[in-house]
Amino acid sequence: MDYKESCPSVSIPSSDEHREKKKRFTVYKVMVSVGRSEWFVFRRYAEFDKLYNTLRKHFPAMALKIPAKRIFGDNFDP
């Protein structure tokens, strides 16, 4: 397996709004591909935020950024 085949590719092809009791939240569908293997995982924003903070802590020289949790006020307000 060469480098290109072993390098993972990650994308977020879709997201869905969910409601649990009175809380609303978004779940992101994350597609991971490595070589010929492909799988999906589902994650909430808080999990991306936790990963971001862990990566920043371990790799402070990297210029990492993630989008804000709310871009335009209430994400669920039509």
PDB file of N, CA and C in Angstrom:
ATOM      1  N   MET A   1       0.853  -1.180   0.000  1.00  0.00           N
ATOM      2  CA  MET A   1       0.000   0.000   0.000  1.00  0.00           C
ATOM      3  C   MET A   1       0.896   1.239   0.000  1.00  0.00           C
ATOM      4  N   ASP A   2       0.679   2.135  -0.958  1.00  0.00           N
ATOM      5  CA  ASP A   2       1.500   3.343  -0.998  1.00  0.00           C
ATOM      6  C   ASP A   2       0.913   4.423  -0.095  1.00  0.00           C
ATOM      7  N   TYR A   3       1.646   5.538  -0.008  1.00  0.00           N
ATOM      8  CA  TYR A   3       1.257   6.621   0.910  1.00  0.00           C
ATOM      9  C   TYR A   3      -0.152   7.133   0.634  1.00  0.00           C
ATOM     10  N   LYS A   4      -0.469   7.353  -0.648  1.00  0.00           N
ATOM     11  CA  LYS A   4      -1.768   7.924  -0.995  1.00  0.00           C
ATOM     12  C   LYS A   4      -2.917   7.008  -0.566  1.00  0.00           C
ATOM     13  N   GLU A   5      -2.722   5.698  -0.684  1.00  0.00           N
ATOM     14  CA  GLU A   5      -3.764   4.754  -0.286  1.00  0.00           C
ATOM     15  C   GLU A   5      -3.915   4.682   1.230  1.00  0.00           C
ATOM     16  N   SER A   6      -2.840   4.940   1.980  1.00  0.00           N
ATOM     17  CA  SER A   6      -2.918   4.824   3.437  1.00  0.00           C
ATOM     18  C   SER A   6      -3.310   6.137   4.120  1.00  0.00           C
ATOM     19  N   CYS A   7      -3.344   7.225   3.365  1.00  0.00           N
ATOM     20  CA  CYS A   7      -3.715   8.527   3.926  1.00  0.00           C
ATOM     21  C   CYS A   7      -5.243   8.628   3.991  1.00  0.00           C
ATOM     22  N   PRO A   8      -5.801   8.855   5.169  1.00  0.00           N
ATOM     23  CA  PRO A   8      -7.266   8.907   5.268  1.00  0.00           C
ATOM     24  C   PRO A   8      -7.851  10.163   4.637  1.00  0.00           C
ATOM     25  N   SER A   9      -9.043  10.012   4.134  1.00  0.00           N
ATOM     26  CA  SER A   9      -9.822  11.125   3.602  1.00  0.00           C
ATOM     27  C   SER A   9     -11.070  11.237   4.471  1.00  0.00           C
ATOM     28  N   VAL A  10     -11.386  12.455   4.906  1.00  0.00           N
ATOM     29  CA  VAL A  10     -12.533  12.658   5.796  1.00  0.00           C
ATOM     30  C   VAL A  10     -13.411  13.766   5.223  1.00  0.00           C
ATOM     31  N   SER A  11     -14.714  13.513   5.183  1.00  0.00           N
ATOM     32  CA  SER A  11     -15.654  14.538   4.733  1.00  0.00           C
ATOM     33  C   SER A  11     -16.937  14.447   5.559  1.00  0.00           C
ATOM     34  N   ILE A  12     -17.723  15.509   5.506  1.00  0.00           N
ATOM     35  CA  ILE A  12     -19.003  15.548   6.216  1.00  0.00           C
ATOM     36  C   ILE A  12     -20.082  15.780   5.156  1.00  0.00           C
ATOM     37  N   PRO A  13     -20.635  14.675   4.618  1.00  0.00           N
ATOM     38  CA  PRO A  13     -21.597  14.812   3.525  1.00  0.00           C
ATOM     39  C   PRO A  13     -22.981  15.300   3.937  1.00  0.00           C
ATOM     40  N   SER A  14     -23.337  15.172   5.217  1.00  0.00           N
ATOM     41  CA  SER A  14     -24.675  15.614   5.616  1.00  0.00           C
ATOM     42  C   SER A  14     -24.763  15.815   7.124  1.00  0.00           C
ATOM     43  N   SER A  15     -25.853  16.432   7.523  1.00  0.00           N
ATOM     44  CA  SER A  15     -26.138  16.624   8.948  1.00  0.00           C
ATOM     45  C   SER A  15     -27.645  16.549   9.140  1.00  0.00           C
ATOM     46  N   ASP A  16     -28.053  16.190  10.341  1.00  0.00           N
ATOM     47  CA  ASP A  16     -29.474  16.091  10.668  1.00  0.00           C
ATOM     48  C   ASP A  16     -29.742  16.766  12.000  1.00  0.00           C
ATOM     49  N   GLU A  17     -30.897  17.391  12.096  1.00  0.00           N
ATOM     50  CA  GLU A  17     -31.317  18.000  13.355  1.00  0.00           C
ATOM     51  C   GLU A  17     -32.071  16.959  14.173  1.00  0.00           C
ATOM     52  N   HIS A  18     -31.777  16.913  15.461  1.00  0.00           N
ATOM     53  CA  HIS A  18     -32.423  15.963  16.367  1.00  0.00           C
ATOM     54  C   HIS A  18     -32.997  16.712  17.560  1.00  0.00           C
ATOM     55  N   ARG A  19     -33.958  16.086  18.191  1.00  0.00           N
ATOM     56  CA  ARG A  19     -34.557  16.639  19.403  1.00  0.00           C
ATOM     57  C   ARG A  19     -34.568  15.531  20.442  1.00  0.00           C
ATOM     58  N   GLU A  20     -34.027  15.854  21.608  1.00  0.00           N
ATOM     59  CA  GLU A  20     -34.016  14.915  22.726  1.00  0.00           C
ATOM     60  C   GLU A  20     -34.593  15.649  23.925  1.00  0.00           C
ATOM     61  N   LYS A  21     -35.751  15.226  24.354  1.00  0.00           N
ATOM     62  CA  LYS A  21     -36.521  15.952  25.364  1.00  0.00           C
ATOM     63  C   LYS A  21     -36.773  17.346  24.811  1.00  0.00           C
ATOM     64  N   LYS A  22     -36.301  18.394  25.450  1.00  0.00           N
ATOM     65  CA  LYS A  22     -36.528  19.742  24.916  1.00  0.00           C
ATOM     66  C   LYS A  22     -35.285  20.328  24.265  1.00  0.00           C
ATOM     67  N   LYS A  23     -34.226  19.541  24.156  1.00  0.00           N
ATOM     68  CA  LYS A  23     -32.988  20.037  23.557  1.00  0.00           C
ATOM     69  C   LYS A  23     -32.929  19.680  22.074  1.00  0.00           C
ATOM     70  N   ARG A  24     -32.507  20.659  21.274  1.00  0.00           N
ATOM     71  CA  ARG A  24     -32.296  20.423  19.849  1.00  0.00           C
ATOM     72  C   ARG A  24     -30.804  20.446  19.580  1.00  0.00           C
ATOM     73  N   PHE A  25     -30.356  19.571  18.697  1.00  0.00           N
ATOM     74  CA  PHE A  25     -28.940  19.533  18.356  1.00  0.00           C
ATOM     75  C   PHE A  25     -28.757  18.953  16.961  1.00  0.00           C
ATOM     76  N   THR A  26     -27.585  19.174  16.409  1.00  0.00           N
ATOM     77  CA  THR A  26     -27.249  18.683  15.080  1.00  0.00           C
ATOM     78  C   THR A  26     -26.283  17.519  15.204  1.00  0.00           C
ATOM     79  N   VAL A  27     -26.522  16.486  14.408  1.00  0.00           N
ATOM     80  CA  VAL A  27     -25.615  15.347  14.326  1.00  0.00           C
ATOM     81  C   VAL A  27     -25.039  15.339  12.913  1.00  0.00           C
ATOM     82  N   TYR A  28     -23.716  15.259  12.819  1.00  0.00           N
ATOM     83  CA  TYR A  28     -23.014  15.287  11.544  1.00  0.00           C
ATOM     84  C   TYR A  28     -22.639  13.878  11.121  1.00  0.00           C
ATOM     85  N   LYS A  29     -22.877  13.565   9.859  1.00  0.00           N
ATOM     86  CA  LYS A  29     -22.471  12.282   9.289  1.00  0.00           C
ATOM     87  C   LYS A  29     -21.061  12.474   8.734  1.00  0.00           C
ATOM     88  N   VAL A  30     -20.107  11.744   9.281  1.00  0.00           N
ATOM     89  CA  VAL A  30     -18.702  11.876   8.898  1.00  0.00           C
ATOM     90  C   VAL A  30     -18.301  10.640   8.103  1.00  0.00           C
ATOM     91  N   MET A  31     -17.816  10.840   6.877  1.00  0.00           N
ATOM     92  CA  MET A  31     -17.367   9.731   6.044  1.00  0.00           C
ATOM     93  C   MET A  31     -15.841   9.658   6.092  1.00  0.00           C
ATOM     94  N   VAL A  32     -15.324   8.482   6.412  1.00  0.00           N
ATOM     95  CA  VAL A  32     -13.882   8.259   6.482  1.00  0.00           C
ATOM     96  C   VAL A  32     -13.528   7.212   5.437  1.00  0.00           C
ATOM     97  N   SER A  33     -12.522   7.507   4.605  1.00  0.00           N
ATOM     98  CA  SER A  33     -12.054   6.564   3.590  1.00  0.00           C
ATOM     99  C   SER A  33     -10.559   6.373   3.750  1.00  0.00           C
ATOM    100  N   VAL A  34     -10.141   5.110   3.733  1.00  0.00           N
ATOM    101  CA  VAL A  34      -8.718   4.768   3.744  1.00  0.00           C
ATOM    102  C   VAL A  34      -8.546   3.659   2.719  1.00  0.00           C
ATOM    103  N   GLY A  35      -7.810   3.966   1.655  1.00  0.00           N
ATOM    104  CA  GLY A  35      -7.670   2.976   0.586  1.00  0.00           C
ATOM    105  C   GLY A  35      -9.040   2.635   0.027  1.00  0.00           C
ATOM    106  N   ARG A  36      -9.363   1.351   0.016  1.00  0.00           N
ATOM    107  CA  ARG A  36     -10.669   0.908  -0.493  1.00  0.00           C
ATOM    108  C   ARG A  36     -11.722   0.781   0.606  1.00  0.00           C
ATOM    109  N   SER A  37     -11.334   1.006   1.841  1.00  0.00           N
ATOM    110  CA  SER A  37     -12.277   0.917   2.961  1.00  0.00           C
ATOM    111  C   SER A  37     -12.950   2.268   3.187  1.00  0.00           C
ATOM    112  N   GLU A  38     -14.223   2.207   3.527  1.00  0.00           N
ATOM    113  CA  GLU A  38     -14.991   3.429   3.769  1.00  0.00           C
ATOM    114  C   GLU A  38     -16.008   3.148   4.870  1.00  0.00           C
ATOM    115  N   TRP A  39     -16.172   4.090   5.791  1.00  0.00           N
ATOM    116  CA  TRP A  39     -17.172   3.930   6.841  1.00  0.00           C
ATOM    117  C   TRP A  39     -17.672   5.290   7.282  1.00  0.00           C
ATOM    118  N   PHE A  40     -18.788   5.255   8.001  1.00  0.00           N
ATOM    119  CA  PHE A  40     -19.423   6.466   8.493  1.00  0.00           C
ATOM    120  C   PHE A  40     -19.485   6.436  10.012  1.00  0.00           C
ATOM    121  N   VAL A  41     -19.326   7.605  10.608  1.00  0.00           N
ATOM    122  CA  VAL A  41     -19.561   7.781  12.039  1.00  0.00           C
ATOM    123  C   VAL A  41     -20.443   9.019  12.185  1.00  0.00           C
ATOM    124  N   PHE A  42     -21.146   9.108  13.281  1.00  0.00           N
ATOM    125  CA  PHE A  42     -22.041  10.232  13.526  1.00  0.00           C
ATOM    126  C   PHE A  42     -21.578  10.949  14.781  1.00  0.00           C
ATOM    127  N   ARG A  43     -21.376  12.264  14.670  1.00  0.00           N
ATOM    128  CA  ARG A  43     -20.826  13.037  15.782  1.00  0.00           C
ATOM    129  C   ARG A  43     -21.564  14.360  15.945  1.00  0.00           C
ATOM    130  N   ARG A  44     -21.589  14.829  17.200  1.00  0.00           N
ATOM    131  CA  ARG A  44     -22.143  16.139  17.525  1.00  0.00           C
ATOM    132  C   ARG A  44     -21.015  17.164  17.571  1.00  0.00           C
ATOM    133  N   TYR A  45     -21.391  18.448  17.524  1.00  0.00           N
ATOM    134  CA  TYR A  45     -20.398  19.523  17.531  1.00  0.00           C
ATOM    135  C   TYR A  45     -19.478  19.430  18.746  1.00  0.00           C
ATOM    136  N   ALA A  46     -20.023  19.107  19.903  1.00  0.00           N
ATOM    137  CA  ALA A  46     -19.222  19.038  21.133  1.00  0.00           C
ATOM    138  C   ALA A  46     -18.064  18.050  20.994  1.00  0.00           C
ATOM    139  N   GLU A  47     -18.270  16.987  20.228  1.00  0.00           N
ATOM    140  CA  GLU A  47     -17.193  16.009  20.032  1.00  0.00           C
ATOM    141  C   GLU A  47     -16.087  16.577  19.141  1.00  0.00           C
ATOM    142  N   PHE A  48     -16.465  17.372  18.132  1.00  0.00           N
ATOM    143  CA  PHE A  48     -15.456  18.045  17.310  1.00  0.00           C
ATOM    144  C   PHE A  48     -14.689  19.064  18.150  1.00  0.00           C
ATOM    145  N   ASP A  49     -15.403  19.770  19.019  1.00  0.00           N
ATOM    146  CA  ASP A  49     -14.776  20.763  19.888  1.00  0.00           C
ATOM    147  C   ASP A  49     -13.772  20.100  20.836  1.00  0.00           C
ATOM    148  N   LYS A  50     -14.133  18.963  21.381  1.00  0.00           N
ATOM    149  CA  LYS A  50     -13.228  18.224  22.271  1.00  0.00           C
ATOM    150  C   LYS A  50     -11.980  17.765  21.510  1.00  0.00           C
ATOM    151  N   LEU A  51     -12.161  17.248  20.303  1.00  0.00           N
ATOM    152  CA  LEU A  51     -11.022  16.837  19.474  1.00  0.00           C
ATOM    153  C   LEU A  51     -10.129  18.035  19.164  1.00  0.00           C
ATOM    154  N   TYR A  52     -10.740  19.152  18.793  1.00  0.00           N
ATOM    155  CA  TYR A  52     -10.003  20.378  18.487  1.00  0.00           C
ATOM    156  C   TYR A  52      -9.137  20.818  19.671  1.00  0.00           C
ATOM    157  N   ASN A  53      -9.720  20.837  20.861  1.00  0.00           N
ATOM    158  CA  ASN A  53      -8.969  21.259  22.052  1.00  0.00           C
ATOM    159  C   ASN A  53      -7.843  20.292  22.395  1.00  0.00           C
ATOM    160  N   THR A  54      -8.066  19.007  22.199  1.00  0.00           N
ATOM    161  CA  THR A  54      -7.016  18.011  22.436  1.00  0.00           C
ATOM    162  C   THR A  54      -5.875  18.188  21.441  1.00  0.00           C
ATOM    163  N   LEU A  55      -6.204  18.379  20.167  1.00  0.00           N
ATOM    164  CA  LEU A  55      -5.166  18.573  19.149  1.00  0.00           C
ATOM    165  C   LEU A  55      -4.377  19.854  19.397  1.00  0.00           C
ATOM    166  N   ARG A  56      -5.073  20.928  19.775  1.00  0.00           N
ATOM    167  CA  ARG A  56      -4.378  22.194  20.081  1.00  0.00           C
ATOM    168  C   ARG A  56      -3.407  22.030  21.237  1.00  0.00           C
ATOM    169  N   LYS A  57      -3.814  21.257  22.234  1.00  0.00           N
ATOM    170  CA  LYS A  57      -2.973  21.025  23.407  1.00  0.00           C
ATOM    171  C   LYS A  57      -1.708  20.251  23.035  1.00  0.00           C
ATOM    172  N   HIS A  58      -1.862  19.226  22.196  1.00  0.00           N
ATOM    173  CA  HIS A  58      -0.729  18.377  21.834  1.00  0.00           C
ATOM    174  C   HIS A  58       0.106  18.933  20.681  1.00  0.00           C
ATOM    175  N   PHE A  59      -0.490  19.779  19.848  1.00  0.00           N
ATOM    176  CA  PHE A  59       0.209  20.345  18.694  1.00  0.00           C
ATOM    177  C   PHE A  59      -0.011  21.857  18.645  1.00  0.00           C
ATOM    178  N   PRO A  60       0.535  22.600  19.614  1.00  0.00           N
ATOM    179  CA  PRO A  60       0.262  24.042  19.697  1.00  0.00           C
ATOM    180  C   PRO A  60       0.763  24.843  18.493  1.00  0.00           C
ATOM    181  N   ALA A  61       1.747  24.335  17.758  1.00  0.00           N
ATOM    182  CA  ALA A  61       2.285  25.073  16.616  1.00  0.00           C
ATOM    183  C   ALA A  61       1.369  24.999  15.391  1.00  0.00           C
ATOM    184  N   MET A  62       0.453  24.049  15.379  1.00  0.00           N
ATOM    185  CA  MET A  62      -0.450  23.914  14.233  1.00  0.00           C
ATOM    186  C   MET A  62      -1.533  24.985  14.297  1.00  0.00           C
ATOM    187  N   ALA A  63      -1.854  25.551  13.156  1.00  0.00           N
ATOM    188  CA  ALA A  63      -2.901  26.575  13.076  1.00  0.00           C
ATOM    189  C   ALA A  63      -4.237  25.890  12.800  1.00  0.00           C
ATOM    190  N   LEU A  64      -4.824  25.331  13.843  1.00  0.00           N
ATOM    191  CA  LEU A  64      -6.091  24.618  13.692  1.00  0.00           C
ATOM    192  C   LEU A  64      -7.260  25.550  13.965  1.00  0.00           C
ATOM    193  N   LYS A  65      -8.327  25.397  13.172  1.00  0.00           N
ATOM    194  CA  LYS A  65      -9.543  26.179  13.381  1.00  0.00           C
ATOM    195  C   LYS A  65     -10.745  25.301  13.063  1.00  0.00           C
ATOM    196  N   ILE A  66     -11.817  25.527  13.805  1.00  0.00           N
ATOM    197  CA  ILE A  66     -13.091  24.899  13.481  1.00  0.00           C
ATOM    198  C   ILE A  66     -14.140  25.999  13.452  1.00  0.00           C
ATOM    199  N   PRO A  67     -15.221  25.782  12.706  1.00  0.00           N
ATOM    200  CA  PRO A  67     -16.273  26.806  12.665  1.00  0.00           C
ATOM    201  C   PRO A  67     -16.909  27.002  14.036  1.00  0.00           C
ATOM    202  N   ALA A  68     -17.493  28.157  14.234  1.00  0.00           N
ATOM    203  CA  ALA A  68     -18.210  28.434  15.480  1.00  0.00           C
ATOM    204  C   ALA A  68     -19.418  27.512  15.600  1.00  0.00           C
ATOM    205  N   LYS A  69     -19.841  27.266  16.815  1.00  0.00           N
ATOM    206  CA  LYS A  69     -21.000  26.400  17.038  1.00  0.00           C
ATOM    207  C   LYS A  69     -22.251  26.994  16.398  1.00  0.00           C
ATOM    208  N   ARG A  70     -22.417  28.283  16.552  1.00  0.00           N
ATOM    209  CA  ARG A  70     -23.548  28.972  15.927  1.00  0.00           C
ATOM    210  C   ARG A  70     -22.988  30.035  14.994  1.00  0.00           C
ATOM    211  N   ILE A  71     -23.304  29.898  13.731  1.00  0.00           N
ATOM    212  CA  ILE A  71     -22.780  30.843  12.747  1.00  0.00           C
ATOM    213  C   ILE A  71     -23.687  32.067  12.632  1.00  0.00           C
ATOM    214  N   PHE A  72     -24.994  31.839  12.582  1.00  0.00           N
ATOM    215  CA  PHE A  72     -25.951  32.930  12.413  1.00  0.00           C
ATOM    216  C   PHE A  72     -27.027  32.868  13.486  1.00  0.00           C
ATOM    217  N   GLY A  73     -26.669  33.066  14.736  1.00  0.00           N
ATOM    218  CA  GLY A  73     -27.663  33.035  15.813  1.00  0.00           C
ATOM    219  C   GLY A  73     -28.155  31.626  16.085  1.00  0.00           C
ATOM    220  N   ASP A  74     -29.475  31.468  16.192  1.00  0.00           N
ATOM    221  CA  ASP A  74     -30.080  30.168  16.466  1.00  0.00           C
ATOM    222  C   ASP A  74     -30.108  29.346  15.185  1.00  0.00           C
ATOM    223  N   ASN A  75     -29.376  28.247  15.151  1.00  0.00           N
ATOM    224  CA  ASN A  75     -29.315  27.391  13.967  1.00  0.00           C
ATOM    225  C   ASN A  75     -30.672  26.795  13.605  1.00  0.00           C
ATOM    226  N   PHE A  76     -31.595  26.734  14.557  1.00  0.00           N
ATOM    227  CA  PHE A  76     -32.875  26.086  14.311  1.00  0.00           C
ATOM    228  C   PHE A  76     -33.997  27.074  14.027  1.00  0.00           C
ATOM    229  N   ASP A  77     -33.707  28.366  14.060  1.00  0.00           N
ATOM    230  CA  ASP A  77     -34.718  29.384  13.805  1.00  0.00           C
ATOM    231  C   ASP A  77     -34.872  29.565  12.301  1.00  0.00           C
ATOM    232  N   PRO A  78     -36.063  29.283  11.738  1.00  0.00           N
ATOM    233  CA  PRO A  78     -36.234  29.388  10.278  1.00  0.00           C
ATOM    234  C   PRO A  78     -36.155  30.756   9.791  1.00  0.00           C
TER     235      PRO A  78
END
